[in-house]
Amino acid sequence: MRYFNIAGPCNSSEHYMIEAAARLHGVEELIDRKQYFVIHAARQSGKTTYLQDLANRLNAGAKYYALYCSLESAQNLTDPKEGIPAVVRSIKAHIRYTVLPHSEFAKDADYTDYNNVLRTSLTDFCMLLDKPLVIFFDEADCLGEGTLILFLRQLRNGYNARSAVPFVHSVALVGVSNIRDYKAKIRPNSESLGSASPFNIVTEAFTLRNFTKEEISHLYRQHTDEIGQVFEDDAIDLVWKQTQGQPWLVNAVAYEVIVRMLQSDYTTPITAALVNDAIQNIILNRPTHIDSLLERLKEERVRNIIEPVIIGKGFIDKDSDDFLYTRDLGLIRVVNSVIEPANPIYAEVIIRKLSSFTQEELKEPNYPYQMPRYLNAGRIDMDYLMRDFQQFWRENSEIWEERYDYKEAAPHLVMMAFLQRVVNGGGQITREMASGAGRLDLCLTYEGRKYPIALKLRYGEKYMEEGLAQTARYMDLHGCNEGWMVVFDRRTTVKWDDKLYVKKETVNGKTVTVVGV
């Protein structure tokens, strides 16, 4: 019986799957043209599944020999004396399980000649073959600096001489990173690799797109057709909205519901309520896929992009290496020229990760700001909650800001940690983050009631006028006539008594409570 796979490559005999070839076009044409190229996409988006399937199809045909080779065993070997022999041995190990004559590759390799051993081993091997050789190097971007340079240079040397000396017909370098990030990794701005750059043989860079909503429906329908268990339309709609088609998340939600929550009870239809519970479980449990992604938040180049998205800052250079790198990791996307988290699940785990230590400390039993004090007859006493936050921020802001790497976003993160207890008390928080928004919007939901809040930094002369209009629009989105705007004043020259205020404004017949902190 097939199942939804959340670990490793998929194959159609064991797993429900969408053929990866449907999400990536043009690769086989490049192979026919003898090109060297890059395939890059976020972790667990289907790259390895695609490569292994393509290698099998090419080997089943009459035109090529194809080799899938993961370079993970050579990861972080920066010294090419160790790294290049490790690459050659990795190729040899992968050839052993293919239709290729494995005993002949690198048969007499001189590993002490690490400057040439990869190129000569591939040349000698290609001379023995009766068909052109295609190699897909998976995890190519994991190679350490010195090894990566020499690896690429030996491929370049073989590529340039192949009209006279046999060499690999076509090569794909595959990983999370695009070729420009290979450059950034091994060539700081102050250095140059000279005229013999190993990068100028790459002609194209491809990426695997996410699933469409129709593909999610088709994937889930495979389970329904084989088992009989139905995914209701509202459930599929929610999966699409929350995952935006990220392949691992789409599979993980189904796996969480069917295997972990229903314990393989196939008689229960999959509803939107079950999907929502599954998503919350995934967010709370932070499986390896999400944890490895969140580790990237520590990198400065990622922080340079994520922080402006959190606080809603305006201009982010979409041509910058930092932006392109963060997008390639799968953390962000661009919608109508606006940069936002790649999907609502990632948005939630990003905020929880960045504010996690604040959330933990606010759980301490001796902390005065506990959620029950704000609950009254099934409602949240927002005035009480906001006054408490003002006092909390006055007493703790300097301490908390120093503890955050994302210092400009620290007020937003602390506020969201403060409000996170609504979730812990049985409520929900919906967050809206996007570059250029000028604020971060969030909506508390508790016992069926909604409490829309806009978090805004005090910038410019018209911050109040703009903020009120923005908050009113956000209230319209949720169908609410009452909302809150929290304005953080970061000026050190202003006294706390002048920063802290609460006032009510009316905008288009709606009441906005402005909270200064």
Protein backbone atom coordinates (compact mmCIF):
# COMPACT_ATOMS: atom_id res chain seq x y z
CA MET A 1 0.00 0.00 0.00
CA ARG A 2 1.40 3.39 -1.01
CA TYR A 3 1.72 6.26 1.45
CA PHE A 4 2.64 9.96 1.69
CA ASN A 5 6.42 10.19 1.87
CA ILE A 6 8.12 12.71 4.17
CA ALA A 7 11.65 11.25 4.18
CA GLY A 8 13.92 10.92 1.14
CA PRO A 9 13.20 10.50 -2.57
CA CYS A 10 9.84 9.26 -3.81
CA ASN A 11 9.14 6.37 -6.12
CA SER A 12 5.76 5.64 -7.63
CA SER A 13 5.60 2.01 -6.47
CA GLU A 14 5.77 3.02 -2.78
CA HIS A 15 4.58 6.60 -2.57
CA TYR A 16 1.82 8.85 -3.78
CA MET A 17 3.60 11.38 -5.95
CA ILE A 18 3.44 14.03 -8.64
CA GLU A 19 5.97 13.41 -11.38
CA ALA A 20 8.74 15.94 -10.88
CA ALA A 21 9.27 16.18 -14.65
CA ALA A 22 5.95 18.03 -14.84
CA ARG A 23 7.47 20.81 -12.70
CA LEU A 24 10.70 21.27 -14.66
CA HIS A 25 10.91 21.67 -18.43
CA GLY A 26 13.84 22.03 -20.83
CA VAL A 27 16.44 19.84 -19.13
CA GLU A 28 16.47 17.06 -21.72
CA GLU A 29 16.87 19.61 -24.52
CA LEU A 30 19.98 20.97 -22.77
CA ILE A 31 21.36 17.45 -22.44
CA ASP A 32 20.88 16.92 -26.17
CA ARG A 33 22.85 20.14 -26.75
CA LYS A 34 25.75 18.90 -24.58
CA GLN A 35 25.25 21.67 -22.00
CA TYR A 36 26.43 21.99 -18.41
CA PHE A 37 23.74 23.56 -16.20
CA VAL A 38 22.41 24.08 -12.66
CA ILE A 39 19.23 22.79 -11.02
CA HIS A 40 18.50 24.47 -7.69
CA ALA A 41 15.53 24.39 -5.35
CA ALA A 42 14.76 24.40 -1.63
CA ARG A 43 15.30 21.32 0.51
CA GLN A 44 12.85 18.45 0.08
CA SER A 45 11.17 19.92 -2.96
CA GLY A 46 11.70 16.89 -5.22
CA LYS A 47 15.17 17.41 -6.74
CA THR A 48 16.57 13.97 -5.95
CA THR A 49 13.34 12.26 -6.99
CA TYR A 50 13.51 14.08 -10.31
CA LEU A 51 17.20 13.30 -10.90
CA GLN A 52 16.90 9.61 -10.15
CA ASP A 53 13.83 9.29 -12.34
CA LEU A 54 15.54 11.15 -15.22
CA ALA A 55 18.68 9.01 -14.90
CA ASN A 56 16.56 5.85 -15.06
CA ARG A 57 14.71 7.09 -18.14
CA LEU A 58 17.91 8.04 -19.93
CA ASN A 59 19.51 4.68 -19.13
CA ALA A 60 16.43 2.90 -20.46
CA GLY A 61 16.85 4.71 -23.78
CA ALA A 62 19.41 4.22 -26.49
CA LYS A 63 21.12 7.62 -26.53
CA TYR A 64 22.98 8.04 -23.22
CA TYR A 65 24.42 6.54 -20.11
CA ALA A 66 23.24 8.58 -17.11
CA LEU A 67 24.69 8.68 -13.60
CA TYR A 68 23.11 10.13 -10.48
CA CYS A 69 25.87 10.97 -7.97
CA SER A 70 25.42 12.60 -4.56
CA LEU A 71 28.49 14.49 -3.32
CA GLU A 72 27.29 14.58 0.27
CA SER A 73 30.12 12.27 1.40
CA ALA A 74 32.61 15.00 0.43
CA GLN A 75 30.75 17.69 2.36
CA ASN A 76 32.91 20.43 3.90
CA LEU A 77 36.22 18.89 2.82
CA THR A 78 37.79 22.25 2.05
CA ASP A 79 41.28 20.85 1.33
CA PRO A 80 41.22 19.53 -2.26
CA LYS A 81 43.87 16.96 -1.35
CA GLU A 82 41.09 15.20 0.57
CA GLY A 83 38.04 16.57 -1.22
CA ILE A 84 38.80 15.68 -4.85
CA PRO A 85 39.69 12.02 -4.09
CA ALA A 86 36.45 11.86 -2.07
CA VAL A 87 34.52 13.11 -5.13
CA VAL A 88 36.16 10.49 -7.38
CA ARG A 89 35.39 7.74 -4.88
CA SER A 90 31.80 8.94 -4.63
CA ILE A 91 31.42 8.67 -8.41
CA LYS A 92 32.92 5.20 -8.30
CA ALA A 93 30.53 4.11 -5.56
CA HIS A 94 27.48 5.36 -7.47
CA ILE A 95 28.59 3.76 -10.74
CA ARG A 96 28.70 0.39 -8.97
CA TYR A 97 24.91 0.24 -8.87
CA THR A 98 24.20 1.27 -12.47
CA VAL A 99 24.31 -0.28 -15.94
CA LEU A 100 27.74 1.31 -16.46
CA PRO A 101 30.92 -0.83 -16.44
CA HIS A 102 31.74 0.07 -12.86
CA SER A 103 35.02 -1.83 -12.51
CA GLU A 104 36.70 0.41 -15.06
CA PHE A 105 36.12 3.82 -13.52
CA ALA A 106 39.21 5.26 -11.78
CA LYS A 107 40.79 1.81 -12.00
CA ASP A 108 44.32 3.16 -11.87
CA ALA A 109 43.57 6.58 -10.39
CA ASP A 110 46.50 8.50 -8.93
CA TYR A 111 44.85 10.28 -6.02
CA THR A 112 48.05 12.14 -5.19
CA ASP A 113 47.53 14.08 -8.42
CA TYR A 114 44.43 15.73 -7.02
CA ASN A 115 44.72 18.62 -9.48
CA ASN A 116 43.88 16.27 -12.37
CA VAL A 117 42.54 12.97 -11.04
CA LEU A 118 38.85 13.83 -11.50
CA ARG A 119 39.29 15.00 -15.09
CA THR A 120 41.55 12.13 -16.14
CA SER A 121 39.33 9.52 -14.49
CA LEU A 122 36.27 10.84 -16.31
CA THR A 123 38.16 11.09 -19.63
CA ASP A 124 39.52 7.53 -19.38
CA PHE A 125 36.05 6.25 -18.51
CA CYS A 126 34.30 8.12 -21.35
CA MET A 127 36.80 6.62 -23.83
CA LEU A 128 35.55 3.14 -22.89
CA LEU A 129 31.85 3.88 -23.31
CA ASP A 130 29.80 3.29 -26.45
CA LYS A 131 27.34 6.10 -25.58
CA PRO A 132 27.78 9.65 -24.20
CA LEU A 133 27.82 10.01 -20.43
CA VAL A 134 25.50 12.37 -18.52
CA ILE A 135 26.14 13.06 -14.80
CA PHE A 136 23.81 14.66 -12.26
CA PHE A 137 25.91 15.86 -9.30
CA ASP A 138 23.47 16.19 -6.39
CA GLU A 139 24.46 18.24 -3.31
CA ALA A 140 27.15 19.94 -5.42
CA ASP A 141 26.89 23.09 -3.32
CA CYS A 142 27.93 21.25 -0.16
CA LEU A 143 31.58 20.99 -1.28
CA GLY A 144 34.07 23.03 0.72
CA GLU A 145 35.75 26.06 -0.83
CA GLY A 146 39.04 24.63 -2.11
CA THR A 147 37.43 21.38 -3.23
CA LEU A 148 34.60 23.22 -4.99
CA ILE A 149 37.01 25.42 -6.96
CA LEU A 150 39.13 22.50 -8.13
CA PHE A 151 36.08 20.34 -8.84
CA LEU A 152 34.61 23.00 -11.11
CA ARG A 153 37.93 23.76 -12.77
CA GLN A 154 38.55 20.14 -13.69
CA LEU A 155 35.04 19.95 -15.15
CA ARG A 156 35.78 23.15 -17.07
CA ASN A 157 39.06 21.82 -18.42
CA GLY A 158 37.40 18.62 -19.59
CA TYR A 159 34.50 20.59 -21.10
CA ASN A 160 36.79 22.90 -23.08
CA ALA A 161 38.89 20.05 -24.51
CA ARG A 162 36.11 17.57 -25.26
CA SER A 163 36.08 18.20 -29.03
CA ALA A 164 39.49 16.50 -29.09
CA VAL A 165 39.50 14.41 -25.90
CA PRO A 166 36.41 12.46 -24.71
CA PHE A 167 34.69 13.87 -21.64
CA VAL A 168 31.28 13.99 -19.96
CA HIS A 169 28.60 14.89 -22.51
CA SER A 170 26.41 16.91 -20.10
CA VAL A 171 26.59 17.78 -16.40
CA ALA A 172 23.99 19.09 -13.96
CA LEU A 173 25.14 20.72 -10.72
CA VAL A 174 22.26 20.29 -8.29
CA GLY A 175 21.56 21.72 -4.86
CA VAL A 176 19.84 24.47 -2.92
CA SER A 177 22.13 27.15 -4.34
CA ASN A 178 22.24 28.75 -7.76
CA ILE A 179 25.61 29.18 -9.44
CA ARG A 180 25.96 32.75 -8.17
CA ASP A 181 25.99 31.38 -4.60
CA TYR A 182 28.78 29.00 -5.51
CA LYS A 183 30.68 32.16 -6.47
CA ALA A 184 29.73 33.97 -3.27
CA LYS A 185 30.86 30.96 -1.25
CA ILE A 186 34.35 30.72 -2.72
CA ARG A 187 35.08 34.20 -4.01
CA PRO A 188 34.77 37.06 -1.51
CA ASN A 189 34.53 40.53 -3.00
CA SER A 190 38.22 41.15 -2.43
CA GLU A 191 39.36 38.13 -4.39
CA SER A 192 39.28 36.98 -8.00
CA LEU A 193 39.55 33.58 -9.60
CA GLY A 194 41.14 35.14 -12.69
CA SER A 195 40.32 34.56 -16.33
CA ALA A 196 40.01 30.80 -15.99
CA SER A 197 36.76 31.06 -14.02
CA PRO A 198 35.14 27.67 -13.48
CA PHE A 199 31.67 29.22 -13.73
CA ASN A 200 31.55 30.26 -17.37
CA ILE A 201 30.65 26.78 -18.66
CA VAL A 202 27.20 26.87 -16.99
CA THR A 203 24.57 27.88 -19.55
CA GLU A 204 21.27 27.67 -17.63
CA ALA A 205 19.89 27.53 -14.09
CA PHE A 206 16.58 25.75 -13.47
CA THR A 207 14.42 25.51 -10.39
CA LEU A 208 11.60 23.16 -9.41
CA ARG A 209 8.32 24.96 -8.88
CA ASN A 210 5.93 24.06 -6.06
CA PHE A 211 2.76 22.05 -6.58
CA THR A 212 -0.27 23.81 -7.99
CA LYS A 213 -3.61 23.50 -6.21
CA GLU A 214 -4.71 21.08 -8.93
CA GLU A 215 -1.61 18.94 -8.33
CA ILE A 216 -2.31 18.83 -4.59
CA SER A 217 -5.81 17.64 -5.39
CA HIS A 218 -4.43 15.03 -7.80
CA LEU A 219 -1.89 13.83 -5.21
CA TYR A 220 -4.54 13.41 -2.53
CA ARG A 221 -6.95 11.81 -4.99
CA GLN A 222 -4.43 9.00 -5.52
CA HIS A 223 -4.99 8.07 -1.87
CA THR A 224 -8.77 8.34 -2.27
CA ASP A 225 -8.76 6.15 -5.41
CA GLU A 226 -6.65 3.44 -3.75
CA ILE A 227 -8.00 3.51 -0.18
CA GLY A 228 -11.36 5.23 -0.41
CA GLN A 229 -10.61 7.93 2.15
CA VAL A 230 -11.83 11.32 0.94
CA PHE A 231 -10.10 14.68 1.28
CA GLU A 232 -12.93 17.22 1.46
CA ASP A 233 -12.69 20.27 -0.81
CA ASP A 234 -12.33 22.65 2.15
CA ALA A 235 -9.43 20.55 3.43
CA ILE A 236 -7.61 20.77 0.09
CA ASP A 237 -8.27 24.52 -0.04
CA LEU A 238 -6.72 24.93 3.41
CA VAL A 239 -3.66 22.83 2.51
CA TRP A 240 -3.13 24.99 -0.58
CA LYS A 241 -3.53 28.24 1.38
CA GLN A 242 -1.20 27.21 4.21
CA THR A 243 1.54 25.43 2.21
CA GLN A 244 1.40 27.26 -1.14
CA GLY A 245 2.23 23.88 -2.66
CA GLN A 246 5.60 23.30 -0.92
CA PRO A 247 5.98 19.55 -1.66
CA TRP A 248 7.25 18.39 1.73
CA LEU A 249 4.57 20.34 3.60
CA VAL A 250 1.81 19.00 1.34
CA ASN A 251 2.91 15.43 2.06
CA ALA A 252 3.56 16.12 5.74
CA VAL A 253 0.04 17.44 6.38
CA ALA A 254 -1.51 14.33 4.83
CA TYR A 255 0.87 12.03 6.72
CA GLU A 256 0.17 13.83 10.02
CA VAL A 257 -3.59 13.47 9.63
CA ILE A 258 -3.75 9.91 8.33
CA VAL A 259 -0.95 8.17 10.21
CA ARG A 260 -0.43 10.11 13.42
CA MET A 261 -3.82 11.64 14.20
CA LEU A 262 -6.23 9.05 12.76
CA GLN A 263 -3.76 6.19 13.24
CA SER A 264 -4.57 4.83 9.78
CA ASP A 265 -8.33 4.85 10.29
CA TYR A 266 -9.29 5.16 6.62
CA THR A 267 -13.03 5.43 7.27
CA THR A 268 -12.84 9.05 8.51
CA PRO A 269 -13.01 11.78 5.85
CA ILE A 270 -10.19 14.35 5.93
CA THR A 271 -11.80 17.65 6.91
CA ALA A 272 -10.46 21.21 7.11
CA ALA A 273 -10.60 20.94 10.92
CA LEU A 274 -8.31 17.89 10.83
CA VAL A 275 -5.96 19.65 8.42
CA ASN A 276 -5.81 22.69 10.70
CA ASP A 277 -4.94 20.49 13.70
CA ALA A 278 -2.27 18.72 11.64
CA ILE A 279 -0.70 22.04 10.65
CA GLN A 280 -0.60 23.15 14.29
CA ASN A 281 1.08 19.86 15.22
CA ILE A 282 3.73 20.35 12.53
CA ILE A 283 4.37 23.91 13.72
CA LEU A 284 4.70 22.82 17.35
CA ASN A 285 6.80 19.71 16.69
CA ARG A 286 9.17 21.44 14.24
CA PRO A 287 10.34 18.36 12.30
CA THR A 288 13.81 18.21 10.76
CA HIS A 289 12.69 19.84 7.51
CA ILE A 290 11.54 22.97 9.34
CA ASP A 291 14.36 22.98 11.90
CA SER A 292 17.04 22.87 9.19
CA LEU A 293 15.33 25.75 7.41
CA LEU A 294 15.07 27.81 10.58
CA GLU A 295 18.80 27.39 11.24
CA ARG A 296 19.32 29.65 8.22
CA LEU A 297 17.73 32.53 10.14
CA LYS A 298 21.04 32.91 11.98
CA GLU A 299 22.84 33.85 8.76
CA GLU A 300 23.36 37.57 8.25
CA ARG A 301 22.36 37.50 4.59
CA VAL A 302 19.04 35.86 5.53
CA ARG A 303 18.47 38.32 8.37
CA ASN A 304 19.04 41.19 5.92
CA ILE A 305 15.90 40.08 4.06
CA ILE A 306 13.66 38.52 6.72
CA GLU A 307 13.87 41.43 9.16
CA PRO A 308 12.49 44.03 6.69
CA VAL A 309 9.72 41.58 5.79
CA ILE A 310 8.74 41.24 9.46
CA ILE A 311 8.53 44.97 10.13
CA GLY A 312 7.10 45.82 6.70
CA LYS A 313 9.96 47.98 5.53
CA GLY A 314 9.88 49.28 1.97
CA PHE A 315 12.69 48.73 -0.50
CA ILE A 316 14.49 45.40 -0.75
CA ASP A 317 16.82 44.96 -3.72
CA LYS A 318 15.45 41.94 -5.58
CA ASP A 319 18.69 41.68 -7.57
CA SER A 320 20.86 41.43 -4.46
CA ASP A 321 22.62 38.18 -3.64
CA ASP A 322 21.01 38.21 -0.18
CA PHE A 323 17.51 38.32 -1.62
CA LEU A 324 18.16 35.68 -4.29
CA TYR A 325 19.84 33.40 -1.74
CA THR A 326 16.96 33.69 0.75
CA ARG A 327 14.43 33.06 -2.02
CA ASP A 328 16.36 30.00 -3.23
CA LEU A 329 16.30 28.59 0.30
CA GLY A 330 12.51 28.62 0.01
CA LEU A 331 11.95 31.09 2.86
CA ILE A 332 10.34 33.89 0.83
CA ARG A 333 8.38 34.51 -2.34
CA VAL A 334 7.38 37.54 -4.41
CA VAL A 335 3.68 38.24 -5.03
CA ASN A 336 2.77 41.32 -7.09
CA SER A 337 6.24 42.79 -6.43
CA VAL A 338 5.81 42.33 -2.66
CA ILE A 339 8.18 40.08 -0.71
CA GLU A 340 6.56 37.85 1.89
CA PRO A 341 7.20 34.52 3.64
CA ALA A 342 6.96 31.58 1.23
CA ASN A 343 3.80 30.31 2.93
CA PRO A 344 1.80 30.91 6.14
CA ILE A 345 3.34 27.86 7.87
CA TYR A 346 6.86 29.18 7.36
CA ALA A 347 5.72 32.65 8.47
CA GLU A 348 4.43 31.18 11.72
CA VAL A 349 7.51 29.07 12.49
CA ILE A 350 9.83 31.99 11.65
CA ILE A 351 8.12 34.22 14.21
CA ARG A 352 7.98 31.47 16.82
CA LYS A 353 11.64 30.64 16.31
CA LEU A 354 12.82 34.24 16.55
CA SER A 355 10.74 34.95 19.66
CA SER A 356 11.07 31.53 21.28
CA PHE A 357 13.19 32.47 24.29
CA THR A 358 10.81 35.32 25.15
CA GLN A 359 7.86 32.94 24.93
CA GLU A 360 9.60 30.49 27.25
CA GLU A 361 10.36 33.11 29.88
CA LEU A 362 6.80 34.41 29.77
CA LYS A 363 5.65 30.92 30.73
CA GLU A 364 7.44 31.12 34.07
CA PRO A 365 4.90 30.71 36.92
CA ASN A 366 6.18 33.78 38.77
CA TYR A 367 5.69 36.04 35.77
CA PRO A 368 2.73 38.40 36.44
CA TYR A 369 1.57 38.65 32.81
CA GLN A 370 -0.37 35.40 32.46
CA MET A 371 -3.21 34.97 29.97
CA PRO A 372 -6.11 34.16 32.32
CA ARG A 373 -6.03 37.68 33.75
CA TYR A 374 -7.12 39.06 30.36
CA LEU A 375 -10.03 36.66 29.79
CA ASN A 376 -13.54 37.61 30.81
CA ALA A 377 -16.75 35.78 29.81
CA GLY A 378 -15.22 34.32 26.66
CA ARG A 379 -13.69 37.62 25.55
CA ILE A 380 -10.19 39.07 25.66
CA ASP A 381 -10.01 42.28 27.68
CA MET A 382 -7.81 44.08 25.14
CA ASP A 383 -7.60 47.32 27.12
CA TYR A 384 -6.23 45.43 30.13
CA LEU A 385 -3.87 43.40 27.92
CA MET A 386 -2.52 46.49 26.15
CA ARG A 387 -1.92 48.40 29.40
CA ASP A 388 -0.03 45.40 30.76
CA PHE A 389 2.10 45.26 27.63
CA GLN A 390 2.95 48.96 27.96
CA GLN A 391 4.21 48.36 31.49
CA PHE A 392 6.01 45.18 30.46
CA TRP A 393 7.72 46.98 27.56
CA ARG A 394 8.73 49.90 29.76
CA GLU A 395 10.35 47.58 32.28
CA ASN A 396 11.94 45.11 29.89
CA SER A 397 12.50 46.65 26.43
CA GLU A 398 16.21 47.41 26.85
CA ILE A 399 16.90 43.92 28.17
CA TRP A 400 14.93 42.15 25.44
CA GLU A 401 16.25 44.25 22.54
CA GLU A 402 19.84 43.40 23.44
CA ARG A 403 19.06 39.69 23.34
CA TYR A 404 17.71 39.72 19.78
CA ASP A 405 19.86 39.37 16.67
CA TYR A 406 16.94 40.88 14.75
CA LYS A 407 17.19 44.14 16.71
CA GLU A 408 15.02 46.31 14.47
CA ALA A 409 12.26 43.70 14.62
CA ALA A 410 12.70 43.14 18.37
CA PRO A 411 9.59 45.15 19.38
CA HIS A 412 7.40 43.16 16.99
CA LEU A 413 8.88 39.86 18.15
CA VAL A 414 8.46 40.65 21.85
CA MET A 415 4.87 41.80 21.29
CA MET A 416 4.07 38.61 19.41
CA ALA A 417 5.63 36.51 22.16
CA PHE A 418 3.46 38.39 24.65
CA LEU A 419 0.36 37.63 22.55
CA GLN A 420 1.37 34.03 21.88
CA ARG A 421 -0.24 33.05 25.16
CA VAL A 422 -3.59 33.55 23.43
CA VAL A 423 -2.70 30.54 21.29
CA ASN A 424 -1.55 28.60 24.34
CA GLY A 425 -4.91 29.43 25.93
CA GLY A 426 -6.90 27.99 23.03
CA GLY A 427 -6.96 30.91 20.59
CA GLN A 428 -5.24 31.52 17.28
CA ILE A 429 -3.05 34.21 15.72
CA THR A 430 -3.07 35.00 12.01
CA ARG A 431 -0.07 37.04 10.85
CA GLU A 432 0.37 39.12 7.70
CA MET A 433 3.98 40.07 6.91
CA ALA A 434 5.20 41.69 3.69
CA SER A 435 7.83 44.15 2.55
CA GLY A 436 6.53 47.65 1.94
CA ALA A 437 3.46 47.18 4.15
CA GLY A 438 4.79 49.68 6.69
CA ARG A 439 3.58 47.49 9.57
CA LEU A 440 2.96 43.92 10.68
CA ASP A 441 -0.69 42.88 10.88
CA LEU A 442 -1.99 40.14 13.12
CA CYS A 443 -5.41 39.01 14.17
CA LEU A 444 -6.16 37.29 17.47
CA THR A 445 -9.10 34.89 17.39
CA TYR A 446 -10.59 33.66 20.65
CA GLU A 447 -13.96 31.99 21.21
CA GLY A 448 -15.05 33.02 17.72
CA ARG A 449 -14.24 36.72 18.20
CA LYS A 450 -11.55 38.53 16.20
CA TYR A 451 -9.17 41.21 17.47
CA PRO A 452 -7.19 42.80 14.58
CA ILE A 453 -3.91 44.50 15.57
CA ALA A 454 -1.36 46.45 13.50
CA LEU A 455 2.22 46.76 14.83
CA LYS A 456 3.98 49.84 13.52
CA LEU A 457 7.30 51.62 14.06
CA ARG A 458 7.13 55.41 14.43
CA TYR A 459 8.64 56.62 11.15
CA GLY A 460 8.16 59.90 9.31
CA GLU A 461 5.69 62.73 9.73
CA LYS A 462 2.58 60.87 8.54
CA TYR A 463 3.02 57.63 10.48
CA MET A 464 -0.22 58.16 12.44
CA GLU A 465 -2.38 59.05 9.44
CA GLU A 466 -0.97 56.18 7.36
CA GLY A 467 -1.19 53.72 10.24
CA LEU A 468 -4.83 54.47 10.98
CA ALA A 469 -5.81 54.03 7.33
CA GLN A 470 -3.82 50.77 7.14
CA THR A 471 -5.38 49.45 10.34
CA ALA A 472 -8.88 50.28 9.13
CA ARG A 473 -8.28 48.37 5.89
CA TYR A 474 -7.05 45.38 7.88
CA MET A 475 -10.16 45.57 10.07
CA ASP A 476 -12.28 45.54 6.89
CA LEU A 477 -10.50 42.38 5.79
CA HIS A 478 -11.67 40.61 8.97
CA GLY A 479 -15.09 42.24 9.10
CA CYS A 480 -14.36 44.03 12.39
CA ASN A 481 -15.47 47.46 13.60
CA GLU A 482 -12.92 47.59 16.43
CA GLY A 483 -9.16 47.26 16.12
CA TRP A 484 -5.83 48.22 17.70
CA MET A 485 -2.68 49.92 16.43
CA VAL A 486 0.47 49.55 18.51
CA VAL A 487 3.05 52.26 17.73
CA PHE A 488 6.64 51.62 18.86
CA ASP A 489 8.61 54.80 19.48
CA ARG A 490 12.33 53.94 19.30
CA ARG A 491 13.55 57.49 20.02
CA THR A 492 15.93 57.55 22.99
CA THR A 493 15.43 61.29 23.57
CA VAL A 494 11.75 60.93 24.45
CA LYS A 495 10.64 60.19 28.03
CA TRP A 496 8.61 57.06 28.74
CA ASP A 497 5.71 59.13 30.06
CA ASP A 498 5.44 60.72 26.62
CA LYS A 499 5.79 57.43 24.73
CA LEU A 500 3.10 55.58 26.66
CA TYR A 501 -0.46 56.57 25.80
CA VAL A 502 -3.81 55.07 24.78
CA LYS A 503 -6.26 56.99 22.62
CA LYS A 504 -9.24 56.07 20.51
CA GLU A 505 -9.65 57.25 16.92
CA THR A 506 -12.56 56.88 14.53
CA VAL A 507 -11.78 55.95 10.92
CA ASN A 508 -14.68 55.46 8.47
CA GLY A 509 -17.01 54.67 11.35
CA LYS A 510 -14.59 52.16 12.89
CA THR A 511 -12.88 52.47 16.27
CA VAL A 512 -9.11 52.16 16.35
CA THR A 513 -7.41 52.12 19.74
CA VAL A 514 -3.90 53.56 19.34
CA VAL A 515 -1.42 52.22 21.90
CA GLY A 516 1.89 54.06 22.21
CA VAL A 517 4.88 52.17 23.56
